[in-house]
C-alpha atoms as a PDB file:
ATOM      1  CA  MET A   1       0.144  -0.071  -0.272  1.00  0.00           C
ATOM      2  CA  ASN A   2       1.424   3.320  -0.729  1.00  0.00           C
ATOM      3  CA  GLU A   3       0.362   6.972  -0.978  1.00  0.00           C
ATOM      4  CA  GLU A   4      -0.349   6.878  -4.452  1.00  0.00           C
ATOM      5  CA  LEU A   5      -3.353   4.744  -3.806  1.00  0.00           C
ATOM      6  CA  ILE A   6      -4.890   7.194  -1.717  1.00  0.00           C
ATOM      7  CA  ALA A   7      -7.099   8.958  -3.823  1.00  0.00           C
ATOM      8  CA  PRO A   8      -8.070  12.815  -3.240  1.00  0.00           C
ATOM      9  CA  CYS A   9     -11.712  11.775  -2.018  1.00  0.00           C
ATOM     10  CA  GLY A  10      -9.775   9.678   0.501  1.00  0.00           C
ATOM     11  CA  MET A  11     -10.764   6.147  -0.979  1.00  0.00           C
ATOM     12  CA  ASN A  12      -7.909   3.713  -0.411  1.00  0.00           C
ATOM     13  CA  CYS A  13      -7.916   2.502  -4.128  1.00  0.00           C
ATOM     14  CA  ALA A  14      -5.449  -0.662  -2.417  1.00  0.00           C
ATOM     15  CA  VAL A  15      -8.657  -2.098  -0.910  1.00  0.00           C
ATOM     16  CA  CYS A  16     -11.212  -1.392  -4.091  1.00  0.00           C
ATOM     17  CA  SER A  17     -12.296  -4.052  -6.094  1.00  0.00           C
ATOM     18  CA  GLY A  18     -11.079  -2.172  -9.442  1.00  0.00           C
ATOM     19  CA  TYR A  19      -7.450  -2.136  -8.036  1.00  0.00           C
ATOM     20  CA  LEU A  20      -7.519  -5.591  -6.622  1.00  0.00           C
ATOM     21  CA  ALA A  21      -8.986  -7.440  -9.646  1.00  0.00           C
ATOM     22  CA  PHE A  22      -5.896  -5.581 -11.669  1.00  0.00           C
ATOM     23  CA  ALA A  23      -3.485  -6.430  -9.324  1.00  0.00           C
ATOM     24  CA  ASN A  24      -4.360 -10.056  -8.954  1.00  0.00           C
ATOM     25  CA  ASP A  25      -5.718 -10.211 -12.676  1.00  0.00           C
ATOM     26  CA  VAL A  26      -8.417 -12.121 -11.677  1.00  0.00           C
ATOM     27  CA  ARG A  27      -9.673 -11.857 -15.661  1.00  0.00           C
ATOM     28  CA  SER A  28      -6.895 -14.550 -15.860  1.00  0.00           C
ATOM     29  CA  LYS A  29      -9.179 -16.863 -13.010  1.00  0.00           C
ATOM     30  CA  GLY A  30     -12.024 -16.893 -15.202  1.00  0.00           C
ATOM     31  CA  ILE A  31     -13.553 -13.707 -13.078  1.00  0.00           C
ATOM     32  CA  ARG A  32     -14.984 -10.791 -15.060  1.00  0.00           C
ATOM     33  CA  MET A  33     -14.423  -7.421 -13.382  1.00  0.00           C
ATOM     34  CA  PRO A  34     -13.412  -4.323 -14.338  1.00  0.00           C
ATOM     35  CA  TYR A  35      -9.677  -3.366 -14.083  1.00  0.00           C
ATOM     36  CA  CYS A  36      -8.211   0.133 -11.742  1.00  0.00           C
ATOM     37  CA  ARG A  37      -5.030   1.441 -11.512  1.00  0.00           C
ATOM     38  CA  GLY A  38      -6.237   3.780  -9.055  1.00  0.00           C
ATOM     39  CA  CYS A  39      -6.770   7.428  -9.335  1.00  0.00           C
ATOM     40  CA  ARG A  40      -3.912   9.049  -9.542  1.00  0.00           C
ATOM     41  CA  ALA A  41      -2.025   6.409 -11.141  1.00  0.00           C
ATOM     42  CA  ARG A  42      -4.244   6.839 -14.332  1.00  0.00           C
ATOM     43  CA  ASP A  43      -3.265  10.493 -13.779  1.00  0.00           C
ATOM     44  CA  LYS A  44      -7.624  10.825 -12.793  1.00  0.00           C
ATOM     45  CA  ILE A  45      -7.973  13.868 -10.424  1.00  0.00           C
ATOM     46  CA  CYS A  46     -10.781  11.358  -8.530  1.00  0.00           C
ATOM     47  CA  ALA A  47     -13.129   8.547 -10.046  1.00  0.00           C
ATOM     48  CA  PHE A  48     -15.968  10.318  -7.780  1.00  0.00           C
ATOM     49  CA  LEU A  49     -15.774  13.575  -7.345  1.00  0.00           C
ATOM     50  CA  LYS A  50     -13.531  15.028 -10.386  1.00  0.00           C
ATOM     51  CA  LYS A  51     -16.273  16.618 -12.356  1.00  0.00           C
ATOM     52  CA  ARG A  52     -18.492  17.987  -9.554  1.00  0.00           C
ATOM     53  CA  CYS A  53     -15.416  19.853  -7.797  1.00  0.00           C
ATOM     54  CA  ALA A  54     -13.610  22.736  -9.402  1.00  0.00           C
ATOM     55  CA  MET A  55     -11.015  22.783  -6.775  1.00  0.00           C
ATOM     56  CA  LEU A  56      -9.922  19.139  -7.919  1.00  0.00           C
ATOM     57  CA  MET A  57     -10.318  19.827 -11.394  1.00  0.00           C
ATOM     58  CA  GLU A  58      -7.896  23.208 -11.179  1.00  0.00           C
ATOM     59  CA  GLY A  59      -5.401  21.142  -8.790  1.00  0.00           C
ATOM     60  CA  LYS A  60      -5.761  23.351  -6.209  1.00  0.00           C
ATOM     61  CA  VAL A  61      -6.051  20.744  -3.670  1.00  0.00           C
ATOM     62  CA  LYS A  62      -4.091  17.112  -3.056  1.00  0.00           C
ATOM     63  CA  TYR A  63      -6.496  16.111  -0.832  1.00  0.00           C
ATOM     64  CA  CYS A  64     -10.575  16.810  -0.149  1.00  0.00           C
ATOM     65  CA  TYR A  65      -9.829  17.894   3.385  1.00  0.00           C
ATOM     66  CA  GLU A  66      -7.910  21.100   2.266  1.00  0.00           C
ATOM     67  CA  CYS A  67     -10.836  22.943   0.641  1.00  0.00           C
ATOM     68  CA  PRO A  68     -12.786  25.176   2.674  1.00  0.00           C
ATOM     69  CA  ASP A  69     -16.151  23.307   2.017  1.00  0.00           C
ATOM     70  CA  PHE A  70     -14.897  20.184   3.237  1.00  0.00           C
ATOM     71  CA  PRO A  71     -16.853  17.925   3.495  1.00  0.00           C
ATOM     72  CA  CYS A  72     -19.034  18.919   0.264  1.00  0.00           C
ATOM     73  CA  GLU A  73     -22.526  17.560  -0.028  1.00  0.00           C
ATOM     74  CA  ASN A  74     -21.185  15.319  -2.973  1.00  0.00           C
ATOM     75  CA  LEU A  75     -18.466  13.663  -0.726  1.00  0.00           C
ATOM     76  CA  LYS A  76     -21.259  13.473   2.470  1.00  0.00           C
ATOM     77  CA  HIS A  77     -23.349  11.528   0.141  1.00  0.00           C
ATOM     78  CA  LEU A  78     -20.631   9.372  -1.312  1.00  0.00           C
ATOM     79  CA  ASP A  79     -19.508   8.503   2.163  1.00  0.00           C
ATOM     80  CA  ALA A  80     -22.698   7.735   3.364  1.00  0.00           C
ATOM     81  CA  SER A  81     -23.093   5.274   0.731  1.00  0.00           C
ATOM     82  CA  TYR A  82     -19.612   3.606   1.541  1.00  0.00           C
ATOM     83  CA  ARG A  83     -20.213   3.408   5.264  1.00  0.00           C
ATOM     84  CA  LYS A  84     -23.309   1.839   4.861  1.00  0.00           C
ATOM     85  CA  LYS A  85     -22.383  -0.506   2.312  1.00  0.00           C
ATOM     86  CA  PHE A  86     -18.848  -0.924   2.343  1.00  0.00           C
ATOM     87  CA  ARG A  87     -17.746  -0.291   5.942  1.00  0.00           C
ATOM     88  CA  MET A  88     -15.055   2.374   4.621  1.00  0.00           C
ATOM     89  CA  SER A  89     -15.410   6.099   5.320  1.00  0.00           C
ATOM     90  CA  MET A  90     -13.507   8.442   3.002  1.00  0.00           C
ATOM     91  CA  ILE A  91     -14.225  11.605   5.104  1.00  0.00           C
ATOM     92  CA  GLU A  92     -13.133   9.552   8.365  1.00  0.00           C
ATOM     93  CA  ASN A  93      -9.798   8.838   5.915  1.00  0.00           C
ATOM     94  CA  LEU A  94      -9.174  12.299   5.224  1.00  0.00           C
ATOM     95  CA  GLU A  95      -9.790  13.669   8.831  1.00  0.00           C
ATOM     96  CA  PHE A  96      -7.100  10.600   9.935  1.00  0.00           C
ATOM     97  CA  ILE A  97      -5.020  12.222   7.355  1.00  0.00           C
ATOM     98  CA  LYS A  98      -5.224  16.014   7.977  1.00  0.00           C
ATOM     99  CA  GLU A  99      -4.592  15.162  11.925  1.00  0.00           C
ATOM    100  CA  HIS A 100      -2.023  12.134  11.735  1.00  0.00           C
ATOM    101  CA  GLY A 101      -0.495  12.105   7.981  1.00  0.00           C
ATOM    102  CA  ILE A 102      -0.482   9.937   5.280  1.00  0.00           C
ATOM    103  CA  ALA A 103       1.677   7.468   6.957  1.00  0.00           C
ATOM    104  CA  LYS A 104      -0.338   6.618   9.450  1.00  0.00           C
ATOM    105  CA  LEU A 105      -3.553   6.227   7.634  1.00  0.00           C
ATOM    106  CA  LEU A 106      -1.153   3.988   5.477  1.00  0.00           C
ATOM    107  CA  GLU A 107      -0.174   1.851   8.813  1.00  0.00           C
ATOM    108  CA  ARG A 108      -3.954   2.137  10.315  1.00  0.00           C
ATOM    109  CA  GLU A 109      -5.391   0.933   6.437  1.00  0.00           C
ATOM    110  CA  THR A 110      -2.992  -2.057   6.373  1.00  0.00           C
ATOM    111  CA  ASP A 111      -3.873  -3.182   9.631  1.00  0.00           C
ATOM    112  CA  LYS A 112      -7.740  -2.792   9.200  1.00  0.00           C
ATOM    113  CA  TRP A 113      -7.783  -4.617   5.673  1.00  0.00           C
ATOM    114  CA  LYS A 114      -5.082  -7.168   5.858  1.00  0.00           C
ATOM    115  CA  CYS A 115      -5.841 -10.583   4.954  1.00  0.00           C
ATOM    116  CA  PRO A 116      -5.852 -12.923   8.202  1.00  0.00           C
ATOM    117  CA  GLU A 117      -5.305 -15.552   5.550  1.00  0.00           C
ATOM    118  CA  CYS A 118      -2.599 -14.731   3.253  1.00  0.00           C
ATOM    119  CA  GLY A 119      -1.524 -10.794   4.816  1.00  0.00           C
ATOM    120  CA  GLU A 120      -2.485  -9.141   1.397  1.00  0.00           C
ATOM    121  CA  MET A 121      -5.366  -6.629   1.556  1.00  0.00           C
ATOM    122  CA  ILE A 122      -9.280  -7.521   1.306  1.00  0.00           C
ATOM    123  CA  CYS A 123     -11.636  -5.547  -0.392  1.00  0.00           C
ATOM    124  CA  CYS A 124     -13.759  -2.942   1.141  1.00  0.00           C
ATOM    125  CA  HIS A 125     -16.805  -3.631  -1.634  1.00  0.00           C
ATOM    126  CA  ASN A 126     -17.233  -7.370  -0.550  1.00  0.00           C
ATOM    127  CA  GLY A 127     -15.035  -8.691   2.169  1.00  0.00           C
ATOM    128  CA  ILE A 128     -12.895 -10.841  -0.158  1.00  0.00           C
ATOM    129  CA  CYS A 129      -9.135 -11.473  -0.583  1.00  0.00           C
ATOM    130  CA  PHE A 130      -8.552 -11.645  -4.020  1.00  0.00           C
ATOM    131  CA  ASN A 131      -5.158 -13.108  -3.594  1.00  0.00           C
ATOM    132  CA  CYS A 132      -6.471 -16.559  -1.845  1.00  0.00           C
ATOM    133  CA  GLY A 133     -10.273 -15.762  -1.973  1.00  0.00           C
ATOM    134  CA  VAL A 134     -10.280 -17.004  -5.624  1.00  0.00           C
ATOM    135  CA  GLU A 135     -12.620 -19.402  -5.473  1.00  0.00           C
ATOM    136  CA  LYS A 136     -15.571 -17.210  -3.483  1.00  0.00           C
ATOM    137  CA  LEU A 137     -15.441 -14.556  -5.869  1.00  0.00           C
ATOM    138  CA  LYS A 138     -16.155 -16.670  -8.828  1.00  0.00           C
ATOM    139  CA  VAL A 139     -18.936 -18.173  -7.140  1.00  0.00           C
ATOM    140  CA  LYS A 140     -20.493 -14.856  -5.626  1.00  0.00           C
ATOM    141  CA  GLU A 141     -23.434 -13.800  -6.753  1.00  0.00           C
ATOM    142  CA  LYS A 142     -23.028 -10.118  -6.251  1.00  0.00           C
ATOM    143  CA  LEU A 143     -19.754  -9.147  -6.408  1.00  0.00           C
ATOM    144  CA  TYR A 144     -20.191  -5.490  -5.042  1.00  0.00           C
ATOM    145  CA  ARG A 145     -21.833  -6.413  -1.525  1.00  0.00           C
ATOM    146  CA  TRP A 146     -20.114  -8.248   1.509  1.00  0.00           C
ATOM    147  CA  GLU A 147     -22.015 -11.471   2.490  1.00  0.00           C
ATOM    148  CA  ASP A 148     -23.853 -10.588   5.670  1.00  0.00           C
ATOM    149  CA  ASP A 149     -25.378  -7.583   3.807  1.00  0.00           C
END
């Protein structure tokens, strides 16, 4: 996990299904999922908020917490959805970066999302490790939901 994988909106791309599918090449294992290298790695400002935020579009902020309107309504809406469905908070990540720095966030996120079986990252979108849990992924009906939801 590295700083480049923390998007401006606070999304940790290292635990995103698109990034994990790419990093673990799940298509070669028979799983059809979109691939993504992360917002910053693709030179994208932010997959979620880019077109709705002049501060991001104009490169005036690196992270949304640097904006005077933080958290804006768009980010609040996105965050509420992610808290409910995916057990993570972009706003919480951003507030943590602001208070403790990016290195501490990376440590916290590694501890939070580390697979207990193999040590790789589990996916925030479904709780599955795309490294050792590929068989679970192959039979999962709703790829973007946790089992107990």
